[in-house]
């Protein structure tokens, strides 16, 4: 998989997981959902993504 695919998969997993935790455990988990959404939105405008930096350090190849 390429970097963009990993980022989308991780973001989707985080959103679904935090929604489930918010429903089953505490509604405060929905704040994590909002954080993921805001991070995706800011990365669209700034071209910077923290998860991309983390994945690069883990050796995931960039999109080519």
Protein backbone atom coordinates (compact mmCIF):
# COMPACT_ATOMS: atom_id res chain seq x y z
CA UNK A 1 0.00 0.00 0.00
CA UNK A 2 1.03 3.58 -0.54
CA UNK A 3 1.17 6.39 2.01
CA UNK A 4 -2.21 7.89 1.05
CA UNK A 5 -3.93 4.52 1.38
CA UNK A 6 -2.44 3.97 4.84
CA UNK A 7 -3.54 7.43 5.99
CA UNK A 8 -7.09 6.90 4.77
CA UNK A 9 -7.27 3.45 6.37
CA UNK A 10 -5.93 4.71 9.70
CA UNK A 11 -8.22 7.77 9.73
CA UNK A 12 -11.25 5.62 8.93
CA UNK A 13 -10.32 3.13 11.64
CA UNK A 14 -9.85 5.92 14.20
CA UNK A 15 -13.22 7.46 13.34
CA UNK A 16 -15.12 4.17 13.53
CA UNK A 17 -13.34 3.10 16.71
CA UNK A 18 -13.96 6.41 18.47
CA UNK A 19 -17.61 6.41 17.44
CA UNK A 20 -18.03 2.92 18.89
CA UNK A 21 -16.24 3.90 22.09
CA UNK A 22 -18.37 7.02 22.31
CA UNK A 23 -21.53 4.98 22.00
CA UNK A 24 -20.48 2.16 24.34
CA UNK A 25 -18.28 3.89 26.92
CA UNK A 26 -18.28 7.68 27.04
CA UNK A 27 -19.46 10.44 24.70
CA UNK A 28 -16.14 12.20 25.28
CA UNK A 29 -14.64 9.79 22.75
CA UNK A 30 -16.47 11.80 20.08
CA UNK A 31 -13.91 14.54 20.70
CA UNK A 32 -11.30 12.20 19.23
CA UNK A 33 -13.51 11.84 16.15
CA UNK A 34 -13.57 15.63 15.87
CA UNK A 35 -9.78 15.76 16.25
CA UNK A 36 -9.30 13.30 13.39
CA UNK A 37 -11.69 15.27 11.20
CA UNK A 38 -9.99 18.58 11.97
CA UNK A 39 -6.59 17.06 11.25
CA UNK A 40 -7.80 15.81 7.87
CA UNK A 41 -9.25 19.22 7.08
CA UNK A 42 -6.13 21.17 8.05
CA UNK A 43 -3.91 18.78 6.10
CA UNK A 44 -5.94 19.50 2.95
CA UNK A 45 -5.02 23.19 3.23
CA UNK A 46 -1.52 23.08 4.74
CA UNK A 47 -0.22 19.93 3.00
CA UNK A 48 1.15 18.75 6.39
CA UNK A 49 -0.05 15.62 8.17
CA UNK A 50 1.33 14.25 11.43
CA UNK A 51 0.40 10.69 10.47
CA UNK A 52 2.42 11.05 7.26
CA UNK A 53 5.48 11.99 9.32
CA UNK A 54 4.95 8.99 11.60
CA UNK A 55 4.49 6.58 8.70
CA UNK A 56 7.58 7.97 6.95
CA UNK A 57 9.67 7.22 10.05
CA UNK A 58 8.22 3.70 10.06
CA UNK A 59 9.45 3.20 6.48
CA UNK A 60 6.19 3.42 4.52
CA UNK A 61 6.91 4.50 0.91
CA UNK A 62 5.53 7.83 -0.26
CA UNK A 63 3.10 8.04 -3.18
CA UNK A 64 4.91 7.97 -6.48
